[in-house]
PDB file of N, CA and C in Angstrom:
ATOM      1  N   MET A   1      -5.570 -10.484  20.998  1.00  0.00           N
ATOM      2  CA  MET A   1      -5.563  -9.527  22.079  1.00  0.00           C
ATOM      3  C   MET A   1      -4.599  -8.388  21.742  1.00  0.00           C
ATOM      4  N   LYS A   2      -5.032  -7.175  21.923  1.00  0.00           N
ATOM      5  CA  LYS A   2      -4.219  -6.020  21.615  1.00  0.00           C
ATOM      6  C   LYS A   2      -3.204  -5.789  22.730  1.00  0.00           C
ATOM      7  N   LYS A   3      -1.960  -5.584  22.325  1.00  0.00           N
ATOM      8  CA  LYS A   3      -0.916  -5.317  23.295  1.00  0.00           C
ATOM      9  C   LYS A   3      -0.727  -3.810  23.398  1.00  0.00           C
ATOM     10  N   ARG A   4      -0.706  -3.309  24.594  1.00  0.00           N
ATOM     11  CA  ARG A   4      -0.495  -1.879  24.808  1.00  0.00           C
ATOM     12  C   ARG A   4       0.758  -1.689  25.645  1.00  0.00           C
ATOM     13  N   THR A   5       1.496  -0.651  25.306  1.00  0.00           N
ATOM     14  CA  THR A   5       2.675  -0.292  26.079  1.00  0.00           C
ATOM     15  C   THR A   5       2.528   1.151  26.529  1.00  0.00           C
ATOM     16  N   GLN A   6       3.386   1.576  27.397  1.00  0.00           N
ATOM     17  CA  GLN A   6       3.336   2.929  27.927  1.00  0.00           C
ATOM     18  C   GLN A   6       4.661   3.612  27.615  1.00  0.00           C
ATOM     19  N   ASN A   7       4.609   4.868  27.192  1.00  0.00           N
ATOM     20  CA  ASN A   7       5.819   5.661  27.031  1.00  0.00           C
ATOM     21  C   ASN A   7       5.515   7.081  27.460  1.00  0.00           C
ATOM     22  N   GLU A   8       6.451   8.008  27.202  1.00  0.00           N
ATOM     23  CA  GLU A   8       6.254   9.382  27.659  1.00  0.00           C
ATOM     24  C   GLU A   8       5.071  10.070  26.986  1.00  0.00           C
ATOM     25  N   HIS A   9       4.575   9.516  25.876  1.00  0.00           N
ATOM     26  CA  HIS A   9       3.433  10.089  25.179  1.00  0.00           C
ATOM     27  C   HIS A   9       2.120   9.416  25.568  1.00  0.00           C
ATOM     28  N   GLY A  10       2.155   8.494  26.498  1.00  0.00           N
ATOM     29  CA  GLY A  10       0.955   7.791  26.904  1.00  0.00           C
ATOM     30  C   GLY A  10       0.907   6.394  26.303  1.00  0.00           C
ATOM     31  N   PRO A  11      -0.221   5.709  26.441  1.00  0.00           N
ATOM     32  CA  PRO A  11      -0.309   4.345  25.924  1.00  0.00           C
ATOM     33  C   PRO A  11      -0.294   4.338  24.398  1.00  0.00           C
ATOM     34  N   ARG A  12       0.263   3.282  23.853  1.00  0.00           N
ATOM     35  CA  ARG A  12       0.242   3.108  22.404  1.00  0.00           C
ATOM     36  C   ARG A  12      -0.036   1.647  22.108  1.00  0.00           C
ATOM     37  N   HIS A  13      -0.578   1.428  20.945  1.00  0.00           N
ATOM     38  CA  HIS A  13      -0.969   0.089  20.522  1.00  0.00           C
ATOM     39  C   HIS A  13       0.119  -0.505  19.644  1.00  0.00           C
ATOM     40  N   ILE A  14       0.394  -1.776  19.813  1.00  0.00           N
ATOM     41  CA  ILE A  14       1.340  -2.487  18.957  1.00  0.00           C
ATOM     42  C   ILE A  14       0.583  -3.610  18.268  1.00  0.00           C
ATOM     43  N   THR A  15       0.604  -3.587  16.928  1.00  0.00           N
ATOM     44  CA  THR A  15      -0.049  -4.640  16.159  1.00  0.00           C
ATOM     45  C   THR A  15       0.850  -5.863  16.158  1.00  0.00           C
ATOM     46  N   PRO A  16       0.327  -7.017  16.552  1.00  0.00           N
ATOM     47  CA  PRO A  16       1.146  -8.232  16.566  1.00  0.00           C
ATOM     48  C   PRO A  16       1.650  -8.601  15.171  1.00  0.00           C
ATOM     49  N   VAL A  17       2.823  -9.210  15.121  1.00  0.00           N
ATOM     50  CA  VAL A  17       3.393  -9.657  13.852  1.00  0.00           C
ATOM     51  C   VAL A  17       2.423 -10.623  13.192  1.00  0.00           C
ATOM     52  N   GLY A  18       2.248 -10.458  11.889  1.00  0.00           N
ATOM     53  CA  GLY A  18       1.372 -11.349  11.147  1.00  0.00           C
ATOM     54  C   GLY A  18      -0.080 -10.899  11.091  1.00  0.00           C
ATOM     55  N   ARG A  19      -0.407  -9.832  11.792  1.00  0.00           N
ATOM     56  CA  ARG A  19      -1.775  -9.331  11.729  1.00  0.00           C
ATOM     57  C   ARG A  19      -1.778  -7.948  11.099  1.00  0.00           C
ATOM     58  N   SER A  20      -2.762  -7.692  10.297  1.00  0.00           N
ATOM     59  CA  SER A  20      -2.863  -6.433   9.571  1.00  0.00           C
ATOM     60  C   SER A  20      -3.246  -5.283  10.485  1.00  0.00           C
ATOM     61  N   VAL A  21      -2.597  -4.159  10.289  1.00  0.00           N
ATOM     62  CA  VAL A  21      -2.953  -2.958  11.031  1.00  0.00           C
ATOM     63  C   VAL A  21      -4.375  -2.529  10.679  1.00  0.00           C
ATOM     64  N   PHE A  22      -4.825  -2.871   9.469  1.00  0.00           N
ATOM     65  CA  PHE A  22      -6.189  -2.525   9.068  1.00  0.00           C
ATOM     66  C   PHE A  22      -7.218  -3.273   9.927  1.00  0.00           C
ATOM     67  N   TYR A  23      -6.894  -4.474  10.347  1.00  0.00           N
ATOM     68  CA  TYR A  23      -7.773  -5.230  11.248  1.00  0.00           C
ATOM     69  C   TYR A  23      -7.907  -4.464  12.556  1.00  0.00           C
ATOM     70  N   ASP A  24      -6.778  -3.949  13.046  1.00  0.00           N
ATOM     71  CA  ASP A  24      -6.796  -3.195  14.296  1.00  0.00           C
ATOM     72  C   ASP A  24      -7.539  -1.869  14.162  1.00  0.00           C
ATOM     73  N   LEU A  25      -7.665  -1.380  12.932  1.00  0.00           N
ATOM     74  CA  LEU A  25      -8.407  -0.140  12.701  1.00  0.00           C
ATOM     75  C   LEU A  25      -9.906  -0.368  12.595  1.00  0.00           C
ATOM     76  N   GLY A  26     -10.320  -1.634  12.687  1.00  0.00           N
ATOM     77  CA  GLY A  26     -11.742  -1.927  12.727  1.00  0.00           C
ATOM     78  C   GLY A  26     -12.317  -2.579  11.486  1.00  0.00           C
ATOM     79  N   PHE A  27     -11.485  -2.830  10.475  1.00  0.00           N
ATOM     80  CA  PHE A  27     -11.973  -3.522   9.289  1.00  0.00           C
ATOM     81  C   PHE A  27     -12.087  -5.005   9.596  1.00  0.00           C
ATOM     82  N   ASP A  28     -13.072  -5.685   8.990  1.00  0.00           N
ATOM     83  CA  ASP A  28     -13.166  -7.122   9.217  1.00  0.00           C
ATOM     84  C   ASP A  28     -11.950  -7.788   8.561  1.00  0.00           C
ATOM     85  N   GLU A  29     -11.697  -9.030   8.929  1.00  0.00           N
ATOM     86  CA  GLU A  29     -10.466  -9.705   8.515  1.00  0.00           C
ATOM     87  C   GLU A  29     -10.296  -9.777   7.001  1.00  0.00           C
ATOM     88  N   ALA A  30     -11.369 -10.078   6.281  1.00  0.00           N
ATOM     89  CA  ALA A  30     -11.283 -10.186   4.818  1.00  0.00           C
ATOM     90  C   ALA A  30     -10.929  -8.842   4.190  1.00  0.00           C
ATOM     91  N   GLU A  31     -11.614  -7.788   4.611  1.00  0.00           N
ATOM     92  CA  GLU A  31     -11.335  -6.467   4.057  1.00  0.00           C
ATOM     93  C   GLU A  31      -9.938  -5.987   4.458  1.00  0.00           C
ATOM     94  N   ALA A  32      -9.524  -6.298   5.687  1.00  0.00           N
ATOM     95  CA  ALA A  32      -8.187  -5.917   6.149  1.00  0.00           C
ATOM     96  C   ALA A  32      -7.113  -6.544   5.277  1.00  0.00           C
ATOM     97  N   ARG A  33      -7.311  -7.779   4.850  1.00  0.00           N
ATOM     98  CA  ARG A  33      -6.324  -8.444   3.982  1.00  0.00           C
ATOM     99  C   ARG A  33      -6.253  -7.772   2.608  1.00  0.00           C
ATOM    100  N   VAL A  34      -7.390  -7.382   2.071  1.00  0.00           N
ATOM    101  CA  VAL A  34      -7.401  -6.689   0.783  1.00  0.00           C
ATOM    102  C   VAL A  34      -6.698  -5.334   0.916  1.00  0.00           C
ATOM    103  N   LEU A  35      -6.984  -4.601   1.969  1.00  0.00           N
ATOM    104  CA  LEU A  35      -6.351  -3.306   2.190  1.00  0.00           C
ATOM    105  C   LEU A  35      -4.844  -3.457   2.377  1.00  0.00           C
ATOM    106  N   GLU A  36      -4.444  -4.502   3.068  1.00  0.00           N
ATOM    107  CA  GLU A  36      -3.017  -4.755   3.259  1.00  0.00           C
ATOM    108  C   GLU A  36      -2.342  -5.047   1.911  1.00  0.00           C
ATOM    109  N   MET A  37      -3.011  -5.821   1.067  1.00  0.00           N
ATOM    110  CA  MET A  37      -2.484  -6.099  -0.267  1.00  0.00           C
ATOM    111  C   MET A  37      -2.340  -4.806  -1.071  1.00  0.00           C
ATOM    112  N   ARG A  38      -3.339  -3.963  -1.004  1.00  0.00           N
ATOM    113  CA  ARG A  38      -3.274  -2.691  -1.718  1.00  0.00           C
ATOM    114  C   ARG A  38      -2.106  -1.845  -1.212  1.00  0.00           C
ATOM    115  N   ALA A  39      -1.931  -1.805   0.103  1.00  0.00           N
ATOM    116  CA  ALA A  39      -0.831  -1.025   0.683  1.00  0.00           C
ATOM    117  C   ALA A  39       0.519  -1.573   0.226  1.00  0.00           C
ATOM    118  N   GLU A  40       0.648  -2.894   0.148  1.00  0.00           N
ATOM    119  CA  GLU A  40       1.898  -3.495  -0.313  1.00  0.00           C
ATOM    120  C   GLU A  40       2.161  -3.172  -1.782  1.00  0.00           C
ATOM    121  N   LEU A  41       1.122  -3.200  -2.605  1.00  0.00           N
ATOM    122  CA  LEU A  41       1.271  -2.834  -4.014  1.00  0.00           C
ATOM    123  C   LEU A  41       1.694  -1.373  -4.154  1.00  0.00           C
ATOM    124  N   MET A  42       1.078  -0.503  -3.376  1.00  0.00           N
ATOM    125  CA  MET A  42       1.435   0.908  -3.426  1.00  0.00           C
ATOM    126  C   MET A  42       2.881   1.118  -3.011  1.00  0.00           C
ATOM    127  N   ALA A  43       3.309   0.434  -1.964  1.00  0.00           N
ATOM    128  CA  ALA A  43       4.692   0.566  -1.509  1.00  0.00           C
ATOM    129  C   ALA A  43       5.662   0.088  -2.585  1.00  0.00           C
ATOM    130  N   ALA A  44       5.334  -1.024  -3.246  1.00  0.00           N
ATOM    131  CA  ALA A  44       6.200  -1.547  -4.305  1.00  0.00           C
ATOM    132  C   ALA A  44       6.288  -0.556  -5.464  1.00  0.00           C
ATOM    133  N   LEU A  45       5.177   0.054  -5.822  1.00  0.00           N
ATOM    134  CA  LEU A  45       5.185   1.050  -6.891  1.00  0.00           C
ATOM    135  C   LEU A  45       6.006   2.280  -6.501  1.00  0.00           C
ATOM    136  N   ARG A  46       5.847   2.750  -5.266  1.00  0.00           N
ATOM    137  CA  ARG A  46       6.635   3.905  -4.803  1.00  0.00           C
ATOM    138  C   ARG A  46       8.125   3.577  -4.827  1.00  0.00           C
ATOM    139  N   GLU A  47       8.487   2.382  -4.371  1.00  0.00           N
ATOM    140  CA  GLU A  47       9.893   1.973  -4.374  1.00  0.00           C
ATOM    141  C   GLU A  47      10.430   1.899  -5.799  1.00  0.00           C
ATOM    142  N   HIS A  48       9.643   1.362  -6.717  1.00  0.00           N
ATOM    143  CA  HIS A  48      10.053   1.252  -8.117  1.00  0.00           C
ATOM    144  C   HIS A  48      10.294   2.636  -8.714  1.00  0.00           C
ATOM    145  N   ILE A  49       9.378   3.552  -8.466  1.00  0.00           N
ATOM    146  CA  ILE A  49       9.513   4.925  -8.964  1.00  0.00           C
ATOM    147  C   ILE A  49      10.775   5.561  -8.386  1.00  0.00           C
ATOM    148  N   GLY A  50      11.017   5.333  -7.107  1.00  0.00           N
ATOM    149  CA  GLY A  50      12.215   5.874  -6.465  1.00  0.00           C
ATOM    150  C   GLY A  50      13.496   5.296  -7.039  1.00  0.00           C
ATOM    151  N   ARG A  51      13.518   3.976  -7.271  1.00  0.00           N
ATOM    152  CA  ARG A  51      14.705   3.333  -7.850  1.00  0.00           C
ATOM    153  C   ARG A  51      14.996   3.856  -9.245  1.00  0.00           C
ATOM    154  N   LYS A  52      13.947   4.116 -10.005  1.00  0.00           N
ATOM    155  CA  LYS A  52      14.111   4.630 -11.365  1.00  0.00           C
ATOM    156  C   LYS A  52      14.506   6.106 -11.366  1.00  0.00           C
ATOM    157  N   GLY A  53      14.273   6.789 -10.252  1.00  0.00           N
ATOM    158  CA  GLY A  53      14.597   8.207 -10.167  1.00  0.00           C
ATOM    159  C   GLY A  53      13.655   9.094 -10.963  1.00  0.00           C
ATOM    160  N   TRP A  54      12.450   8.606 -11.213  1.00  0.00           N
ATOM    161  CA  TRP A  54      11.476   9.356 -11.996  1.00  0.00           C
ATOM    162  C   TRP A  54      10.891  10.509 -11.197  1.00  0.00           C
ATOM    163  N   THR A  55      10.629  11.599 -11.880  1.00  0.00           N
ATOM    164  CA  THR A  55       9.802  12.650 -11.303  1.00  0.00           C
ATOM    165  C   THR A  55       8.362  12.139 -11.352  1.00  0.00           C
ATOM    166  N   GLN A  56       7.457  12.852 -10.705  1.00  0.00           N
ATOM    167  CA  GLN A  56       6.057  12.433 -10.762  1.00  0.00           C
ATOM    168  C   GLN A  56       5.518  12.524 -12.183  1.00  0.00           C
ATOM    169  N   SER A  57       5.962  13.489 -12.943  1.00  0.00           N
ATOM    170  CA  SER A  57       5.517  13.609 -14.336  1.00  0.00           C
ATOM    171  C   SER A  57       6.036  12.452 -15.175  1.00  0.00           C
ATOM    172  N   GLU A  58       7.290  12.080 -14.978  1.00  0.00           N
ATOM    173  CA  GLU A  58       7.858  10.944 -15.702  1.00  0.00           C
ATOM    174  C   GLU A  58       7.149   9.655 -15.311  1.00  0.00           C
ATOM    175  N   ALA A  59       6.907   9.500 -14.019  1.00  0.00           N
ATOM    176  CA  ALA A  59       6.209   8.302 -13.538  1.00  0.00           C
ATOM    177  C   ALA A  59       4.803   8.232 -14.130  1.00  0.00           C
ATOM    178  N   ALA A  60       4.139   9.375 -14.227  1.00  0.00           N
ATOM    179  CA  ALA A  60       2.788   9.404 -14.803  1.00  0.00           C
ATOM    180  C   ALA A  60       2.801   8.901 -16.239  1.00  0.00           C
ATOM    181  N   LYS A  61       3.802   9.311 -17.017  1.00  0.00           N
ATOM    182  CA  LYS A  61       3.919   8.833 -18.400  1.00  0.00           C
ATOM    183  C   LYS A  61       4.116   7.330 -18.434  1.00  0.00           C
ATOM    184  N   GLU A  62       5.012   6.834 -17.618  1.00  0.00           N
ATOM    185  CA  GLU A  62       5.313   5.399 -17.591  1.00  0.00           C
ATOM    186  C   GLU A  62       4.111   4.579 -17.121  1.00  0.00           C
ATOM    187  N   LEU A  63       3.371   5.123 -16.158  1.00  0.00           N
ATOM    188  CA  LEU A  63       2.214   4.421 -15.598  1.00  0.00           C
ATOM    189  C   LEU A  63       0.958   4.595 -16.449  1.00  0.00           C
ATOM    190  N   GLY A  64       0.992   5.532 -17.378  1.00  0.00           N
ATOM    191  CA  GLY A  64      -0.192   5.797 -18.193  1.00  0.00           C
ATOM    192  C   GLY A  64      -1.302   6.456 -17.393  1.00  0.00           C
ATOM    193  N   THR A  65      -0.920   7.354 -16.512  1.00  0.00           N
ATOM    194  CA  THR A  65      -1.894   8.049 -15.677  1.00  0.00           C
ATOM    195  C   THR A  65      -1.491   9.511 -15.575  1.00  0.00           C
ATOM    196  N   THR A  66      -2.088  10.243 -14.662  1.00  0.00           N
ATOM    197  CA  THR A  66      -1.793  11.668 -14.516  1.00  0.00           C
ATOM    198  C   THR A  66      -0.841  11.909 -13.346  1.00  0.00           C
ATOM    199  N   GLN A  67      -0.208  13.072 -13.361  1.00  0.00           N
ATOM    200  CA  GLN A  67       0.693  13.435 -12.263  1.00  0.00           C
ATOM    201  C   GLN A  67      -0.051  13.527 -10.925  1.00  0.00           C
ATOM    202  N   PRO A  68      -1.280  14.080 -10.870  1.00  0.00           N
ATOM    203  CA  PRO A  68      -1.987  14.095  -9.587  1.00  0.00           C
ATOM    204  C   PRO A  68      -2.247  12.681  -9.032  1.00  0.00           C
ATOM    205  N   ARG A  69      -2.485  11.704  -9.924  1.00  0.00           N
ATOM    206  CA  ARG A  69      -2.673  10.314  -9.466  1.00  0.00           C
ATOM    207  C   ARG A  69      -1.369   9.773  -8.899  1.00  0.00           C
ATOM    208  N   VAL A  70      -0.246  10.108  -9.536  1.00  0.00           N
ATOM    209  CA  VAL A  70       1.055   9.674  -9.017  1.00  0.00           C
ATOM    210  C   VAL A  70       1.311  10.332  -7.664  1.00  0.00           C
ATOM    211  N   SER A  71       0.937  11.592  -7.533  1.00  0.00           N
ATOM    212  CA  SER A  71       1.085  12.283  -6.254  1.00  0.00           C
ATOM    213  C   SER A  71       0.299  11.559  -5.160  1.00  0.00           C
ATOM    214  N   ALA A  72      -0.927  11.163  -5.462  1.00  0.00           N
ATOM    215  CA  ALA A  72      -1.752  10.427  -4.488  1.00  0.00           C
ATOM    216  C   ALA A  72      -1.092   9.094  -4.143  1.00  0.00           C
ATOM    217  N   LEU A  73      -0.524   8.427  -5.144  1.00  0.00           N
ATOM    218  CA  LEU A  73       0.170   7.167  -4.916  1.00  0.00           C
ATOM    219  C   LEU A  73       1.363   7.373  -3.989  1.00  0.00           C
ATOM    220  N   MET A  74       2.144   8.412  -4.254  1.00  0.00           N
ATOM    221  CA  MET A  74       3.342   8.678  -3.453  1.00  0.00           C
ATOM    222  C   MET A  74       2.990   9.068  -2.016  1.00  0.00           C
ATOM    223  N   LYS A  75       1.825   9.655  -1.831  1.00  0.00           N
ATOM    224  CA  LYS A  75       1.375  10.031  -0.482  1.00  0.00           C
ATOM    225  C   LYS A  75       0.741   8.859   0.256  1.00  0.00           C
ATOM    226  N   GLY A  76       0.542   7.738  -0.451  1.00  0.00           N
ATOM    227  CA  GLY A  76      -0.061   6.572   0.190  1.00  0.00           C
ATOM    228  C   GLY A  76      -1.560   6.683   0.361  1.00  0.00           C
ATOM    229  N   ALA A  77      -2.221   7.398  -0.521  1.00  0.00           N
ATOM    230  CA  ALA A  77      -3.679   7.576  -0.443  1.00  0.00           C
ATOM    231  C   ALA A  77      -4.375   6.292  -0.907  1.00  0.00           C
ATOM    232  N   TRP A  78      -4.354   5.286  -0.062  1.00  0.00           N
ATOM    233  CA  TRP A  78      -4.845   3.951  -0.432  1.00  0.00           C
ATOM    234  C   TRP A  78      -6.326   3.947  -0.780  1.00  0.00           C
ATOM    235  N   ARG A  79      -7.072   4.876  -0.281  1.00  0.00           N
ATOM    236  CA  ARG A  79      -8.503   4.923  -0.605  1.00  0.00           C
ATOM    237  C   ARG A  79      -8.753   5.315  -2.056  1.00  0.00           C
ATOM    238  N   ASP A  80      -7.760   5.916  -2.696  1.00  0.00           N
ATOM    239  CA  ASP A  80      -7.912   6.388  -4.072  1.00  0.00           C
ATOM    240  C   ASP A  80      -7.620   5.327  -5.131  1.00  0.00           C
ATOM    241  N   PHE A  81      -7.169   4.138  -4.711  1.00  0.00           N
ATOM    242  CA  PHE A  81      -6.746   3.125  -5.665  1.00  0.00           C
ATOM    243  C   PHE A  81      -7.355   1.768  -5.339  1.00  0.00           C
ATOM    244  N   SER A  82      -7.987   1.167  -6.329  1.00  0.00           N
ATOM    245  CA  SER A  82      -8.489  -0.197  -6.163  1.00  0.00           C
ATOM    246  C   SER A  82      -7.323  -1.162  -6.347  1.00  0.00           C
ATOM    247  N   ALA A  83      -7.505  -2.384  -5.882  1.00  0.00           N
ATOM    248  CA  ALA A  83      -6.485  -3.411  -6.089  1.00  0.00           C
ATOM    249  C   ALA A  83      -6.278  -3.641  -7.581  1.00  0.00           C
ATOM    250  N   ASP A  84      -7.377  -3.649  -8.348  1.00  0.00           N
ATOM    251  CA  ASP A  84      -7.272  -3.845  -9.800  1.00  0.00           C
ATOM    252  C   ASP A  84      -6.404  -2.766 -10.435  1.00  0.00           C
ATOM    253  N   MET A  85      -6.636  -1.513 -10.084  1.00  0.00           N
ATOM    254  CA  MET A  85      -5.879  -0.415 -10.682  1.00  0.00           C
ATOM    255  C   MET A  85      -4.403  -0.521 -10.312  1.00  0.00           C
ATOM    256  N   LEU A  86      -4.111  -0.876  -9.075  1.00  0.00           N
ATOM    257  CA  LEU A  86      -2.716  -1.012  -8.657  1.00  0.00           C
ATOM    258  C   LEU A  86      -2.026  -2.141  -9.411  1.00  0.00           C
ATOM    259  N   LEU A  87      -2.754  -3.228  -9.666  1.00  0.00           N
ATOM    260  CA  LEU A  87      -2.183  -4.325 -10.451  1.00  0.00           C
ATOM    261  C   LEU A  87      -1.895  -3.880 -11.878  1.00  0.00           C
ATOM    262  N   VAL A  88      -2.793  -3.109 -12.464  1.00  0.00           N
ATOM    263  CA  VAL A  88      -2.588  -2.587 -13.819  1.00  0.00           C
ATOM    264  C   VAL A  88      -1.368  -1.664 -13.850  1.00  0.00           C
ATOM    265  N   LEU A  89      -1.278  -0.760 -12.890  1.00  0.00           N
ATOM    266  CA  LEU A  89      -0.143   0.161 -12.844  1.00  0.00           C
ATOM    267  C   LEU A  89       1.173  -0.597 -12.687  1.00  0.00           C
ATOM    268  N   ALA A  90       1.185  -1.596 -11.825  1.00  0.00           N
ATOM    269  CA  ALA A  90       2.394  -2.393 -11.624  1.00  0.00           C
ATOM    270  C   ALA A  90       2.803  -3.074 -12.933  1.00  0.00           C
ATOM    271  N   GLY A  91       1.841  -3.631 -13.632  1.00  0.00           N
ATOM    272  CA  GLY A  91       2.121  -4.288 -14.902  1.00  0.00           C
ATOM    273  C   GLY A  91       2.663  -3.333 -15.948  1.00  0.00           C
ATOM    274  N   ARG A  92       2.192  -2.112 -15.944  1.00  0.00           N
ATOM    275  CA  ARG A  92       2.632  -1.119 -16.934  1.00  0.00           C
ATOM    276  C   ARG A  92       4.109  -0.753 -16.791  1.00  0.00           C
ATOM    277  N   VAL A  93       4.647  -0.904 -15.580  1.00  0.00           N
ATOM    278  CA  VAL A  93       6.067  -0.581 -15.384  1.00  0.00           C
ATOM    279  C   VAL A  93       6.932  -1.833 -15.262  1.00  0.00           C
ATOM    280  N   GLY A  94       6.342  -2.978 -15.602  1.00  0.00           N
ATOM    281  CA  GLY A  94       7.135  -4.205 -15.643  1.00  0.00           C
ATOM    282  C   GLY A  94       7.202  -4.999 -14.350  1.00  0.00           C
ATOM    283  N   LEU A  95       6.453  -4.594 -13.342  1.00  0.00           N
ATOM    284  CA  LEU A  95       6.406  -5.376 -12.106  1.00  0.00           C
ATOM    285  C   LEU A  95       5.442  -6.548 -12.332  1.00  0.00           C
ATOM    286  N   ARG A  96       5.688  -7.641 -11.660  1.00  0.00           N
ATOM    287  CA  ARG A  96       4.844  -8.827 -11.832  1.00  0.00           C
ATOM    288  C   ARG A  96       4.340  -9.301 -10.466  1.00  0.00           C
ATOM    289  N   PRO A  97       3.334  -8.656  -9.923  1.00  0.00           N
ATOM    290  CA  PRO A  97       2.800  -9.088  -8.627  1.00  0.00           C
ATOM    291  C   PRO A  97       2.215 -10.493  -8.721  1.00  0.00           C
ATOM    292  N   THR A  98       2.345 -11.235  -7.646  1.00  0.00           N
ATOM    293  CA  THR A  98       1.768 -12.568  -7.587  1.00  0.00           C
ATOM    294  C   THR A  98       0.874 -12.671  -6.350  1.00  0.00           C
ATOM    295  N   LEU A  99      -0.052 -13.592  -6.425  1.00  0.00           N
ATOM    296  CA  LEU A  99      -0.980 -13.822  -5.326  1.00  0.00           C
ATOM    297  C   LEU A  99      -0.702 -15.205  -4.766  1.00  0.00           C
ATOM    298  N   LYS A 100      -0.534 -15.290  -3.450  1.00  0.00           N
ATOM    299  CA  LYS A 100      -0.345 -16.582  -2.792  1.00  0.00           C
ATOM    300  C   LYS A 100      -1.507 -16.797  -1.836  1.00  0.00           C
ATOM    301  N   LEU A 101      -2.105 -17.958  -1.928  1.00  0.00           N
ATOM    302  CA  LEU A 101      -3.207 -18.295  -1.039  1.00  0.00           C
ATOM    303  C   LEU A 101      -2.713 -19.255   0.026  1.00  0.00           C
ATOM    304  N   ALA A 102      -3.154 -19.042   1.229  1.00  0.00           N
ATOM    305  CA  ALA A 102      -2.781 -19.920   2.334  1.00  0.00           C
ATOM    306  C   ALA A 102      -4.039 -20.267   3.126  1.00  0.00           C
ATOM    307  N   ALA A 103      -4.040 -21.443   3.672  1.00  0.00           N
ATOM    308  CA  ALA A 103      -5.193 -21.880   4.462  1.00  0.00           C
ATOM    309  C   ALA A 103      -5.027 -21.464   5.899  1.00  0.00           C
TER     310      ALA A 103
END
């Protein structure tokens, strides 16, 4: 059940803890989980780039991609990146993503 609150800007939706915001955006549960995984990978890559202090051009060299692709990554353009590509990019900079399955 969606929880709604009221503030000076009108009603707003709050996604319950443990549920993907992508589910609330209308994606089915399976697709929402994949999108959430992609978003987490993108966030980890952005954080890594920030910790390293790389410019987008430097990050592009390290990731083996182009500066415009790094720009899309930094903007969070999740539609532009498959889960496979994000895993490859993470591996190229030494990150080791893991997958945990739960019932």
